[in-house]
Amino acid sequence: MPITLKQVSALEKVRLNAPIDYKETNSYSVLQGQRLSYQIVISTDGIWDKKEKVRIESELSDHIRLYCVKDVVVDKPSRENVTDENYLLTEPGLLPDLLVPIEQQNNYVTLFHAPVVMWVKVDIPQDCKPGKYTVKFILDTTIDETTPFITTEMEINVLDAKMPEQTLKYTRWFYADCIADIHEAEIYSERHWKLIEEYIKAATDVGINMILVPTHTPPLDTAVGTTRPCVQLIDIEKKGDEYIFGFEKFRRFIDICKRSGVKYYEMAHLFSQWGSKCAPNIMVTENGKTDYMFGWHVAADSEEYRSFLKQYIAAIFEELTREGIADFAYFHVSDEPNPDNLDKYKIARDIIKPLIGNAKTFDALSHYEFCEQDLVECPVTSVRVIHEFLKHDVAEQWAYYCCGPERVFTNSFIAMPSCRTQILGYQLYKYDIKGFLHWGFNFYNSSVSLYKINPYVTTSSDRNFASGDAFIVYPGKETAYPSIRGEITFEAIQDINICRALEALIGKEAVVAMIDEAAGRDLRFDDYPASNDFLMGLRAKMLDEIAKHTK
């Protein structure tokens, strides 16, 4: 037979022209409400330069999505001289990451030399009847009249237990300006609004339940003295000492978020990045002229900006209350402050705090001094130093990675094996981390946004970051295409949820003991088994344990 089909784990990254020696998997157990992802490798024993149609037959067909896995350019595997076995590439090359919906290819794939890989997503309904289901993958062929199609089947055993609702707060920063740029859409035109909704739906589909709201253009990755395209949602007019605020665009944005399943909202940072020295770029209309009244030219602690903030934040919080989301709102002061600007950060936080009710402040930071002075309710701590924070009793501890770390720790670079991305779930669960933040959902610029990039040409923001660091979705035809890394991070969240389902039956201490026993050590952020077998084996063992306790 010149064509063969092989079903393999979602954790595999099937390399171009590599031997198809991955372990075959033809059955899974799942919870009601769980997503099952796996891959089908289509390979030939020679040159087969033809287009073949693919399709799915199953009782679950209405809940199945099929994608073609595409290789992307890994132009900068890492920013360090990485040579260890925890990278698939250490020099530029190609690796699979992009997932293109098969309907975008009219349900056809082209077979030629290298394997074609299909990604299957099966979203098991919460009310799915327990039992065994079959997903038949069919490749219509043109081999000859006696071989009209080739098939392979996946058996799915749906357990009589439900996947708990996600409790992890998860955000990857959303950039409305990058959507407009990459799709060449006028900002806040009807087309831009439709694209914004597509991207937000793509975010919630992989477990992102918190969105960065551009109340004003977020002061992130912007070179000093420059501006990014203005995506400010709130119209502001100054009359004397009074500011008048218009929330029409803000309300439309929040309505999209609500429809798409967003639960939490983070307001754009109120002070400049890396030091809170300046005000962010904020457009204001005065005497009929609209311009940047605030920005790099205005000191963060100026009286003019303080006066504005008191009115601005109060108005935002009133609007959040009107929208019914004030209890789910978080406020940023300044991204990644350090001890040298702790005093300025305190001044900024003291301005904000009396105006935001019970909403919390949170920022990415790596220095516990800010928590000692009670300046940040929710410290978002780099995985590199999080064990220092875990020595203290922080009520709402978050975690993040950003640009690094590149060695040892979890991250989501394209050149890393997927197990290094998915391990995050067990780490977050074990240490009771409440939220996870990453800086790049759809950042399609160079470092500090000096110019735009094409993510199909460079996945490293033109060699400024490790490939894949800046985004987990690719611009598609009036939509956003998912990536392997986004889906694998969602698998990590599902690991958390499965742990919680088991915890309800046997207690957290027993679940943590099971994790450590499977790991063969005290699982930490800086010490864990980087293997597919560990992740697949532990999940299967937990699902077996859930099945035993629910019979």
Protein backbone atom coordinates (compact mmCIF):
# COMPACT_ATOMS: atom_id res chain seq x y z
CA MET A 1 0.00 0.00 0.00
CA PRO A 2 1.60 3.31 -1.03
CA ILE A 3 -0.31 5.34 1.59
CA THR A 4 -0.45 4.65 5.33
CA LEU A 5 -2.29 6.35 8.22
CA LYS A 6 -0.99 6.46 11.77
CA GLN A 7 -2.66 8.08 14.81
CA VAL A 8 -0.28 9.71 17.28
CA SER A 9 -0.39 11.92 20.36
CA ALA A 10 -0.95 15.67 20.09
CA LEU A 11 2.37 16.03 21.92
CA GLU A 12 4.39 14.84 18.93
CA LYS A 13 5.86 17.39 16.54
CA VAL A 14 6.06 15.44 13.30
CA ARG A 15 9.17 16.63 11.47
CA LEU A 16 9.57 17.11 7.75
CA ASN A 17 11.05 13.96 6.15
CA ALA A 18 11.66 12.42 9.59
CA PRO A 19 11.05 8.69 10.16
CA ILE A 20 7.46 8.02 11.29
CA ASP A 21 8.52 6.13 14.41
CA TYR A 22 6.10 7.83 16.81
CA LYS A 23 4.08 5.65 19.16
CA GLU A 24 0.66 4.87 17.71
CA THR A 25 -2.40 5.61 19.87
CA ASN A 26 -5.84 4.37 18.85
CA SER A 27 -7.93 4.88 22.00
CA TYR A 28 -8.40 7.48 24.75
CA SER A 29 -10.55 7.89 27.83
CA VAL A 30 -12.00 11.36 28.40
CA LEU A 31 -14.31 13.22 30.75
CA GLN A 32 -17.59 14.75 29.66
CA GLY A 33 -16.75 18.29 28.57
CA GLN A 34 -13.11 17.49 27.79
CA ARG A 35 -11.39 18.24 24.49
CA LEU A 36 -9.47 15.40 22.91
CA SER A 37 -6.74 16.37 20.46
CA TYR A 38 -4.64 13.93 18.47
CA GLN A 39 -2.87 13.73 15.11
CA ILE A 40 -3.11 11.54 12.03
CA VAL A 41 0.06 11.12 10.03
CA ILE A 42 -0.47 10.38 6.34
CA SER A 43 2.67 9.04 4.71
CA THR A 44 3.57 7.52 1.36
CA ASP A 45 6.25 5.09 0.30
CA GLY A 46 7.37 7.26 -2.60
CA ILE A 47 6.40 10.24 -4.72
CA TRP A 48 2.63 10.67 -4.59
CA ASP A 49 1.98 14.05 -6.14
CA LYS A 50 -1.79 14.10 -5.86
CA LYS A 51 -4.56 15.86 -3.97
CA GLU A 52 -6.73 13.62 -1.84
CA LYS A 53 -9.96 14.42 -0.01
CA VAL A 54 -10.33 13.82 3.74
CA ARG A 55 -13.42 13.49 5.90
CA ILE A 56 -14.66 12.31 9.28
CA GLU A 57 -17.50 9.95 10.19
CA SER A 58 -18.65 9.74 13.81
CA GLU A 59 -21.59 10.15 16.15
CA LEU A 60 -19.57 13.10 17.45
CA SER A 61 -19.11 14.71 14.01
CA ASP A 62 -20.84 17.94 15.04
CA HIS A 63 -18.19 18.40 17.72
CA ILE A 64 -15.11 17.60 15.64
CA ARG A 65 -12.78 20.05 13.91
CA LEU A 66 -10.07 18.98 11.50
CA TYR A 67 -6.92 20.94 10.67
CA CYS A 68 -3.93 20.48 8.42
CA VAL A 69 -0.65 20.91 10.32
CA LYS A 70 1.76 23.24 8.51
CA ASP A 71 5.46 23.84 9.01
CA VAL A 72 6.62 27.35 9.85
CA VAL A 73 9.95 29.14 9.68
CA VAL A 74 11.89 28.90 12.94
CA ASP A 75 14.35 31.69 12.20
CA LYS A 76 15.56 32.01 15.79
CA PRO A 77 15.11 28.85 17.89
CA SER A 78 16.35 30.67 20.99
CA ARG A 79 18.23 33.80 21.97
CA GLU A 80 20.80 31.77 23.87
CA ASN A 81 23.31 29.24 22.62
CA VAL A 82 21.05 26.33 23.43
CA THR A 83 22.49 22.92 22.61
CA ASP A 84 20.66 20.59 25.00
CA GLU A 85 18.17 17.88 24.16
CA ASN A 86 15.19 20.02 25.22
CA TYR A 87 15.13 21.80 21.85
CA LEU A 88 14.09 20.21 18.57
CA LEU A 89 16.17 22.73 16.63
CA THR A 90 19.21 24.75 17.64
CA GLU A 91 19.73 26.28 14.19
CA PRO A 92 17.13 27.90 11.89
CA GLY A 93 14.83 25.44 10.14
CA LEU A 94 11.22 24.31 9.80
CA LEU A 95 8.92 22.88 12.45
CA PRO A 96 5.16 22.20 12.58
CA ASP A 97 3.02 24.80 14.36
CA LEU A 98 0.34 26.36 12.15
CA LEU A 99 -3.10 24.69 12.10
CA VAL A 100 -5.17 25.49 9.00
CA PRO A 101 -8.85 24.45 9.07
CA ILE A 102 -9.30 21.76 6.46
CA GLU A 103 -12.30 23.57 4.96
CA GLN A 104 -9.88 26.35 3.95
CA GLN A 105 -8.36 23.73 1.63
CA ASN A 106 -11.77 22.48 0.41
CA ASN A 107 -11.14 19.33 2.48
CA TYR A 108 -8.17 18.31 0.33
CA VAL A 109 -4.57 17.55 1.22
CA THR A 110 -1.59 17.25 -1.11
CA LEU A 111 0.61 14.19 -0.66
CA PHE A 112 4.16 14.60 -1.86
CA HIS A 113 7.26 12.96 -0.36
CA ALA A 114 6.96 14.24 3.23
CA PRO A 115 4.13 13.19 5.56
CA VAL A 116 0.93 15.19 5.80
CA VAL A 117 -0.31 15.62 9.35
CA MET A 118 -3.91 16.22 10.36
CA TRP A 119 -4.89 17.64 13.75
CA VAL A 120 -8.19 16.37 15.16
CA LYS A 121 -10.07 18.28 17.88
CA VAL A 122 -13.02 16.53 19.48
CA ASP A 123 -14.96 18.68 21.95
CA ILE A 124 -16.89 16.17 24.05
CA PRO A 125 -20.19 17.77 25.12
CA GLN A 126 -20.82 18.19 28.86
CA ASP A 127 -24.00 16.17 28.48
CA CYS A 128 -22.45 13.43 26.33
CA LYS A 129 -23.78 10.01 27.27
CA PRO A 130 -21.02 7.85 28.83
CA GLY A 131 -19.77 5.06 26.62
CA LYS A 132 -17.54 4.31 23.66
CA TYR A 133 -17.53 6.32 20.46
CA THR A 134 -15.61 5.88 17.23
CA VAL A 135 -14.10 8.60 15.07
CA LYS A 136 -13.38 7.29 11.58
CA PHE A 137 -10.92 9.30 9.50
CA ILE A 138 -11.34 8.66 5.76
CA LEU A 139 -8.89 9.48 3.01
CA ASP A 140 -10.54 9.24 -0.41
CA THR A 141 -7.87 8.04 -2.81
CA THR A 142 -7.18 7.82 -6.49
CA ILE A 143 -4.91 4.77 -6.21
CA ASP A 144 -7.22 2.53 -8.23
CA GLU A 145 -10.84 1.41 -8.37
CA THR A 146 -10.25 -1.37 -5.82
CA THR A 147 -8.93 1.06 -3.17
CA PRO A 148 -11.42 3.96 -3.15
CA PHE A 149 -10.49 5.06 0.38
CA ILE A 150 -8.21 4.37 3.33
CA THR A 151 -9.41 4.67 6.93
CA THR A 152 -8.25 4.67 10.50
CA GLU A 153 -10.36 4.77 13.66
CA MET A 154 -10.01 6.34 17.09
CA GLU A 155 -11.97 4.84 19.99
CA ILE A 156 -13.08 7.38 22.59
CA ASN A 157 -14.30 6.15 25.96
CA VAL A 158 -16.39 8.88 27.58
CA LEU A 159 -16.42 8.42 31.36
CA ASP A 160 -19.39 9.10 33.61
CA ALA A 161 -17.72 12.17 35.12
CA LYS A 162 -17.63 15.81 34.08
CA MET A 163 -14.69 18.10 33.45
CA PRO A 164 -14.83 20.88 36.08
CA GLU A 165 -15.21 24.47 34.95
CA GLN A 166 -11.87 26.21 34.43
CA THR A 167 -10.76 28.17 37.50
CA LEU A 168 -7.34 29.27 36.23
CA LYS A 169 -7.33 32.89 35.10
CA TYR A 170 -5.44 32.93 31.81
CA THR A 171 -4.44 35.88 29.67
CA ARG A 172 -2.21 36.41 26.68
CA TRP A 173 -2.02 40.04 25.72
CA PHE A 174 -4.36 41.00 22.93
CA TYR A 175 -3.26 43.68 20.44
CA ALA A 176 -6.06 45.28 18.43
CA ASP A 177 -3.55 47.38 16.48
CA CYS A 178 -1.69 44.31 15.22
CA ILE A 179 -4.96 42.88 13.90
CA ALA A 180 -5.62 46.08 11.94
CA ASP A 181 -2.05 46.17 10.63
CA ILE A 182 -1.73 42.56 9.50
CA HIS A 183 -5.18 42.51 7.86
CA GLU A 184 -4.86 46.05 6.48
CA ALA A 185 -8.12 47.08 8.11
CA GLU A 186 -9.00 50.61 9.20
CA ILE A 187 -9.00 50.76 12.99
CA TYR A 188 -12.50 50.24 14.38
CA SER A 189 -14.03 49.95 10.94
CA GLU A 190 -16.75 47.31 10.69
CA ARG A 191 -14.20 44.91 9.20
CA HIS A 192 -11.83 45.54 12.10
CA TRP A 193 -14.59 44.85 14.62
CA LYS A 194 -15.39 41.54 12.89
CA LEU A 195 -11.71 40.57 12.97
CA ILE A 196 -11.44 41.55 16.65
CA GLU A 197 -14.31 39.17 17.40
CA GLU A 198 -12.66 36.37 15.40
CA TYR A 199 -9.41 36.79 17.32
CA ILE A 200 -11.14 36.94 20.71
CA LYS A 201 -13.06 33.76 19.85
CA ALA A 202 -9.75 32.14 18.88
CA ALA A 203 -8.42 33.17 22.29
CA THR A 204 -11.29 31.75 24.32
CA ASP A 205 -11.18 28.54 22.27
CA VAL A 206 -7.78 27.76 23.84
CA GLY A 207 -8.79 28.62 27.40
CA ILE A 208 -7.96 32.33 27.51
CA ASN A 209 -10.62 33.80 29.77
CA MET A 210 -9.12 37.25 30.43
CA ILE A 211 -8.60 39.95 27.79
CA LEU A 212 -6.40 43.04 27.91
CA VAL A 213 -8.82 45.89 27.25
CA PRO A 214 -7.35 48.85 25.32
CA THR A 215 -9.09 51.57 27.33
CA HIS A 216 -6.16 53.52 25.89
CA THR A 217 -3.44 52.08 23.62
CA PRO A 218 -1.55 49.74 25.97
CA PRO A 219 1.93 51.15 26.75
CA LEU A 220 3.64 47.87 25.91
CA ASP A 221 6.60 47.16 23.64
CA THR A 222 6.70 50.76 22.43
CA ALA A 223 10.05 52.48 21.88
CA VAL A 224 10.57 55.58 24.01
CA GLY A 225 9.25 58.65 22.24
CA THR A 226 7.17 56.69 19.72
CA THR A 227 3.53 55.65 19.40
CA ARG A 228 1.76 52.55 18.18
CA PRO A 229 -1.44 52.86 16.11
CA CYS A 230 -4.07 54.32 18.40
CA VAL A 231 -6.68 51.76 19.44
CA GLN A 232 -8.01 53.74 22.41
CA LEU A 233 -11.56 52.63 23.15
CA ILE A 234 -12.54 55.56 25.35
CA ASP A 235 -13.18 58.95 23.75
CA ILE A 236 -11.91 61.76 25.97
CA GLU A 237 -12.65 65.47 25.80
CA LYS A 238 -11.22 68.13 28.12
CA LYS A 239 -13.27 71.16 29.07
CA GLY A 240 -11.46 73.33 31.58
CA ASP A 241 -10.44 71.12 34.46
CA GLU A 242 -13.09 68.53 33.64
CA TYR A 243 -12.75 65.48 31.39
CA ILE A 244 -15.73 64.01 29.57
CA PHE A 245 -15.58 60.33 28.64
CA GLY A 246 -17.36 58.46 25.84
CA PHE A 247 -17.73 54.68 26.20
CA GLU A 248 -19.46 53.66 22.96
CA LYS A 249 -16.49 51.72 21.53
CA PHE A 250 -15.62 50.34 24.98
CA ARG A 251 -19.13 48.92 25.34
CA ARG A 252 -18.95 47.29 21.92
CA PHE A 253 -15.61 45.69 22.80
CA ILE A 254 -16.93 44.36 26.12
CA ASP A 255 -20.04 43.01 24.40
CA ILE A 256 -17.82 41.04 21.99
CA CYS A 257 -15.85 39.68 24.94
CA LYS A 258 -19.00 38.59 26.74
CA ARG A 259 -20.39 36.85 23.63
CA SER A 260 -17.08 35.07 23.15
CA GLY A 261 -16.92 33.69 26.69
CA VAL A 262 -14.45 36.09 28.33
CA LYS A 263 -14.92 36.27 32.09
CA TYR A 264 -12.11 38.54 33.33
CA TYR A 265 -10.90 41.93 32.13
CA GLU A 266 -7.54 43.62 32.60
CA MET A 267 -7.35 47.34 32.03
CA ALA A 268 -4.48 48.77 29.99
CA HIS A 269 -1.42 49.76 32.03
CA LEU A 270 -1.75 53.24 33.47
CA PHE A 271 1.98 54.04 33.44
CA SER A 272 4.84 53.40 31.04
CA GLN A 273 6.61 50.03 30.92
CA TRP A 274 9.85 49.20 32.76
CA GLY A 275 9.91 51.99 35.30
CA SER A 276 6.59 53.87 35.34
CA LYS A 277 8.42 57.09 34.43
CA CYS A 278 5.83 58.49 32.03
CA ALA A 279 2.15 58.58 31.27
CA PRO A 280 0.92 56.26 28.50
CA ASN A 281 -0.02 57.67 25.11
CA ILE A 282 -3.59 58.91 25.59
CA MET A 283 -5.58 60.88 23.02
CA VAL A 284 -7.65 63.81 24.28
CA THR A 285 -9.77 66.36 22.40
CA GLU A 286 -9.52 69.97 23.58
CA ASN A 287 -10.90 73.00 21.77
CA GLY A 288 -11.74 70.83 18.77
CA LYS A 289 -8.21 69.43 18.39
CA THR A 290 -7.41 65.77 19.14
CA ASP A 291 -3.86 64.81 20.05
CA TYR A 292 -1.73 62.98 22.60
CA MET A 293 -2.28 65.10 25.68
CA PHE A 294 -0.45 62.45 27.69
CA GLY A 295 2.51 60.30 26.74
CA TRP A 296 6.29 60.24 26.86
CA HIS A 297 6.35 64.01 27.34
CA VAL A 298 4.35 63.86 30.59
CA ALA A 299 5.93 62.64 33.83
CA ALA A 300 4.02 59.85 35.54
CA ASP A 301 3.80 61.77 38.82
CA SER A 302 2.91 65.16 37.31
CA GLU A 303 -0.02 67.00 38.83
CA GLU A 304 -1.67 67.19 35.42
CA TYR A 305 -1.65 63.42 35.00
CA ARG A 306 -2.67 62.75 38.61
CA SER A 307 -5.69 65.00 38.16
CA PHE A 308 -6.62 63.21 34.94
CA LEU A 309 -6.24 59.75 36.46
CA LYS A 310 -8.61 60.48 39.31
CA GLN A 311 -11.37 61.32 36.84
CA TYR A 312 -10.39 58.68 34.28
CA ILE A 313 -10.19 55.70 36.62
CA ALA A 314 -13.35 56.67 38.46
CA ALA A 315 -15.20 56.84 35.12
CA ILE A 316 -13.81 53.47 34.00
CA PHE A 317 -14.79 51.81 37.25
CA GLU A 318 -18.28 53.28 37.06
CA GLU A 319 -18.59 51.84 33.53
CA LEU A 320 -17.30 48.45 34.65
CA THR A 321 -19.97 48.46 37.34
CA ARG A 322 -22.62 49.37 34.77
CA GLU A 323 -21.46 46.45 32.60
CA GLY A 324 -21.65 44.10 35.60
CA ILE A 325 -17.97 43.16 35.38
CA ALA A 326 -16.36 45.29 38.11
CA ASP A 327 -15.86 42.19 40.28
CA PHE A 328 -13.96 40.55 37.41
CA ALA A 329 -11.68 43.51 36.60
CA TYR A 330 -7.97 43.89 37.26
CA PHE A 331 -5.89 47.04 36.99
CA HIS A 332 -2.29 47.26 35.80
CA VAL A 333 0.02 49.94 37.15
CA SER A 334 3.26 49.36 35.22
CA ASP A 335 4.73 46.28 33.56
CA GLU A 336 7.85 44.67 35.08
CA PRO A 337 8.86 47.29 37.67
CA ASN A 338 12.11 46.83 39.57
CA PRO A 339 13.27 47.95 43.02
CA ASP A 340 14.86 51.11 41.58
CA ASN A 341 11.42 52.50 40.78
CA LEU A 342 9.55 51.08 43.76
CA ASP A 343 8.82 54.57 45.15
CA LYS A 344 7.29 55.74 41.88
CA TYR A 345 5.29 52.54 41.64
CA LYS A 346 3.93 53.16 45.14
CA ILE A 347 2.86 56.69 44.22
CA ALA A 348 1.06 55.37 41.15
CA ARG A 349 -0.62 52.55 43.02
CA ASP A 350 -1.76 54.91 45.79
CA ILE A 351 -3.49 57.09 43.19
CA ILE A 352 -5.27 54.14 41.67
CA LYS A 353 -6.29 52.04 44.65
CA PRO A 354 -8.98 54.31 46.21
CA LEU A 355 -10.73 54.56 42.83
CA ILE A 356 -11.17 50.89 41.87
CA GLY A 357 -13.36 49.51 44.63
CA ASN A 358 -12.67 45.83 45.22
CA ALA A 359 -10.86 45.38 41.90
CA LYS A 360 -7.28 44.18 42.26
CA THR A 361 -3.98 45.48 40.99
CA PHE A 362 -1.64 43.03 39.33
CA ASP A 363 1.60 43.29 37.39
CA ALA A 364 4.41 41.15 36.09
CA LEU A 365 7.26 41.47 38.57
CA SER A 366 10.18 39.45 39.85
CA HIS A 367 11.02 41.19 43.12
CA TYR A 368 9.21 40.30 46.33
CA GLU A 369 9.83 43.78 47.81
CA PHE A 370 6.64 44.97 46.08
CA CYS A 371 4.63 42.35 47.96
CA GLU A 372 6.34 43.15 51.27
CA GLN A 373 4.99 46.70 50.97
CA ASP A 374 1.56 45.38 49.98
CA LEU A 375 1.66 47.19 46.62
CA VAL A 376 0.39 44.33 44.41
CA GLU A 377 -2.50 42.09 45.38
CA CYS A 378 -1.73 39.63 42.60
CA PRO A 379 1.98 39.34 41.84
CA VAL A 380 2.54 37.83 38.39
CA THR A 381 5.90 36.16 38.88
CA SER A 382 8.34 34.72 36.38
CA VAL A 383 8.59 30.94 36.61
CA ARG A 384 12.33 31.49 36.95
CA VAL A 385 11.95 33.01 40.44
CA ILE A 386 8.50 31.83 41.50
CA HIS A 387 9.81 29.44 44.16
CA GLU A 388 11.12 32.50 46.06
CA PHE A 389 7.57 33.90 46.12
CA LEU A 390 6.11 30.53 47.10
CA LYS A 391 8.00 30.71 50.38
CA HIS A 392 5.46 33.38 51.37
CA ASP A 393 1.71 33.11 51.78
CA VAL A 394 0.50 35.12 48.77
CA ALA A 395 -3.28 35.00 48.52
CA GLU A 396 -3.47 35.26 44.73
CA GLN A 397 -0.17 34.19 43.21
CA TRP A 398 0.13 34.27 39.42
CA ALA A 399 2.91 33.06 37.12
CA TYR A 400 4.28 34.08 33.74
CA TYR A 401 7.07 33.52 31.27
CA CYS A 402 8.18 36.11 28.74
CA CYS A 403 11.11 35.94 26.26
CA GLY A 404 12.65 33.53 28.74
CA PRO A 405 13.60 31.49 30.56
CA GLU A 406 15.00 29.45 27.71
CA ARG A 407 16.77 26.68 29.61
CA VAL A 408 15.28 24.13 32.01
CA PHE A 409 11.95 25.88 32.61
CA THR A 410 8.61 25.53 30.82
CA ASN A 411 7.89 27.83 27.89
CA SER A 412 6.11 27.80 24.53
CA PHE A 413 8.77 28.40 21.90
CA ILE A 414 8.26 26.57 18.61
CA ALA A 415 11.64 24.82 18.87
CA MET A 416 10.75 23.26 22.22
CA PRO A 417 9.12 19.84 22.38
CA SER A 418 5.46 20.12 23.37
CA CYS A 419 6.04 18.36 26.70
CA ARG A 420 7.93 21.43 27.92
CA THR A 421 4.83 23.51 27.25
CA GLN A 422 2.22 21.13 28.67
CA ILE A 423 4.09 20.49 31.96
CA LEU A 424 2.91 23.96 33.02
CA GLY A 425 -0.49 22.54 34.01
CA TYR A 426 0.77 20.18 36.71
CA GLN A 427 3.11 22.88 38.02
CA LEU A 428 0.33 25.45 38.31
CA TYR A 429 -1.97 22.92 39.97
CA LYS A 430 0.53 21.63 42.51
CA TYR A 431 1.50 25.09 43.72
CA ASP A 432 -2.04 26.50 43.66
CA ILE A 433 -1.21 29.24 41.16
CA LYS A 434 -4.34 31.29 40.47
CA GLY A 435 -3.50 32.77 37.09
CA PHE A 436 -1.12 32.64 34.16
CA LEU A 437 -0.06 35.57 31.96
CA HIS A 438 1.91 35.75 28.75
CA TRP A 439 2.73 38.87 26.78
CA GLY A 440 2.03 37.67 23.23
CA PHE A 441 -1.26 36.41 21.87
CA ASN A 442 -0.95 38.20 18.51
CA PHE A 443 2.09 40.52 18.54
CA TYR A 444 3.10 41.01 14.89
CA ASN A 445 5.77 43.70 15.35
CA SER A 446 9.50 43.91 15.87
CA SER A 447 10.79 44.45 19.37
CA VAL A 448 9.43 47.74 20.80
CA SER A 449 7.19 48.00 17.72
CA LEU A 450 9.63 49.82 15.46
CA TYR A 451 8.11 48.15 12.41
CA LYS A 452 5.58 45.49 11.42
CA ILE A 453 6.54 41.90 10.65
CA ASN A 454 4.95 39.11 8.64
CA PRO A 455 4.54 36.09 10.97
CA TYR A 456 4.65 33.78 7.95
CA VAL A 457 8.16 35.04 7.16
CA THR A 458 9.56 35.45 10.66
CA THR A 459 8.21 33.82 13.80
CA SER A 460 10.79 35.67 15.93
CA SER A 461 9.67 39.26 15.35
CA ASP A 462 12.61 39.55 12.97
CA ARG A 463 15.07 37.74 15.27
CA ASN A 464 14.21 39.84 18.30
CA PHE A 465 12.70 36.96 20.30
CA ALA A 466 12.81 33.19 20.25
CA SER A 467 10.52 31.93 17.49
CA GLY A 468 6.94 31.67 18.70
CA ASP A 469 7.35 33.91 21.72
CA ALA A 470 5.33 36.79 20.29
CA PHE A 471 2.14 35.01 19.21
CA ILE A 472 0.14 31.78 19.32
CA VAL A 473 -2.26 32.57 16.46
CA TYR A 474 -1.59 33.25 12.79
CA PRO A 475 -3.56 35.67 10.61
CA GLY A 476 -5.95 33.74 8.39
CA LYS A 477 -8.55 34.57 5.80
CA GLU A 478 -10.60 37.13 7.79
CA THR A 479 -9.90 35.12 10.92
CA ALA A 480 -7.12 33.78 13.15
CA TYR A 481 -5.60 30.32 12.70
CA PRO A 482 -4.60 28.37 15.81
CA SER A 483 -1.20 26.89 16.58
CA ILE A 484 0.05 23.67 18.12
CA ARG A 485 1.47 25.71 21.02
CA GLY A 486 -1.87 27.32 21.78
CA GLU A 487 -3.58 23.94 21.76
CA ILE A 488 -0.92 22.35 23.94
CA THR A 489 -1.24 25.16 26.51
CA PHE A 490 -4.95 24.38 26.54
CA GLU A 491 -4.03 20.74 27.22
CA ALA A 492 -2.06 22.00 30.23
CA ILE A 493 -5.21 23.75 31.48
CA GLN A 494 -7.15 20.53 30.98
CA ASP A 495 -4.55 18.75 33.12
CA ILE A 496 -5.36 21.23 35.89
CA ASN A 497 -9.08 20.57 35.50
CA ILE A 498 -8.60 16.79 35.55
CA CYS A 499 -6.53 17.16 38.74
CA ARG A 500 -9.39 19.14 40.27
CA ALA A 501 -11.92 16.48 39.26
CA LEU A 502 -9.80 13.85 40.98
CA GLU A 503 -9.17 16.14 43.95
CA ALA A 504 -12.92 16.27 44.58
CA LEU A 505 -12.78 12.48 45.02
CA ILE A 506 -9.52 11.82 46.89
CA GLY A 507 -8.26 15.22 48.11
CA LYS A 508 -5.47 17.48 46.89
CA GLU A 509 -2.73 15.91 48.98
CA ALA A 510 -3.33 12.55 47.31
CA VAL A 511 -3.37 14.12 43.83
CA VAL A 512 -0.08 15.93 44.46
CA ALA A 513 1.43 12.68 45.75
CA MET A 514 0.34 10.97 42.53
CA ILE A 515 2.04 13.72 40.47
CA ASP A 516 5.29 13.49 42.43
CA GLU A 517 5.28 9.71 42.34
CA ALA A 518 4.83 9.68 38.57
CA ALA A 519 7.57 12.29 38.23
CA GLY A 520 9.90 10.31 40.48
CA ARG A 521 10.76 13.50 42.37
CA ASP A 522 9.34 16.61 44.01
CA LEU A 523 7.94 18.25 40.88
CA ARG A 524 9.02 21.89 40.68
CA PHE A 525 9.10 24.64 38.05
CA ASP A 526 12.84 24.04 37.68
CA ASP A 527 12.79 20.24 37.97
CA TYR A 528 10.34 18.01 36.11
CA PRO A 529 10.36 15.08 33.68
CA ALA A 530 10.38 16.50 30.15
CA SER A 531 8.75 13.56 28.39
CA ASN A 532 5.56 12.76 26.52
CA ASP A 533 5.26 9.43 28.33
CA PHE A 534 5.12 11.17 31.71
CA LEU A 535 2.31 13.51 30.66
CA MET A 536 0.25 10.90 28.83
CA GLY A 537 0.77 8.27 31.49
CA LEU A 538 -0.16 10.55 34.38
CA ARG A 539 -3.32 11.83 32.69
CA ALA A 540 -4.39 8.27 31.85
CA LYS A 541 -3.75 7.18 35.44
CA MET A 542 -5.83 10.06 36.82
CA LEU A 543 -8.70 9.30 34.46
CA ASP A 544 -8.58 5.63 35.50
CA GLU A 545 -8.74 6.72 39.14
CA ILE A 546 -11.72 8.98 38.43
CA ALA A 547 -13.46 6.09 36.64
CA LYS A 548 -12.93 3.80 39.65
CA HIS A 549 -14.42 6.33 42.08
CA THR A 550 -17.46 7.11 39.91
CA LYS A 551 -18.63 3.56 39.22
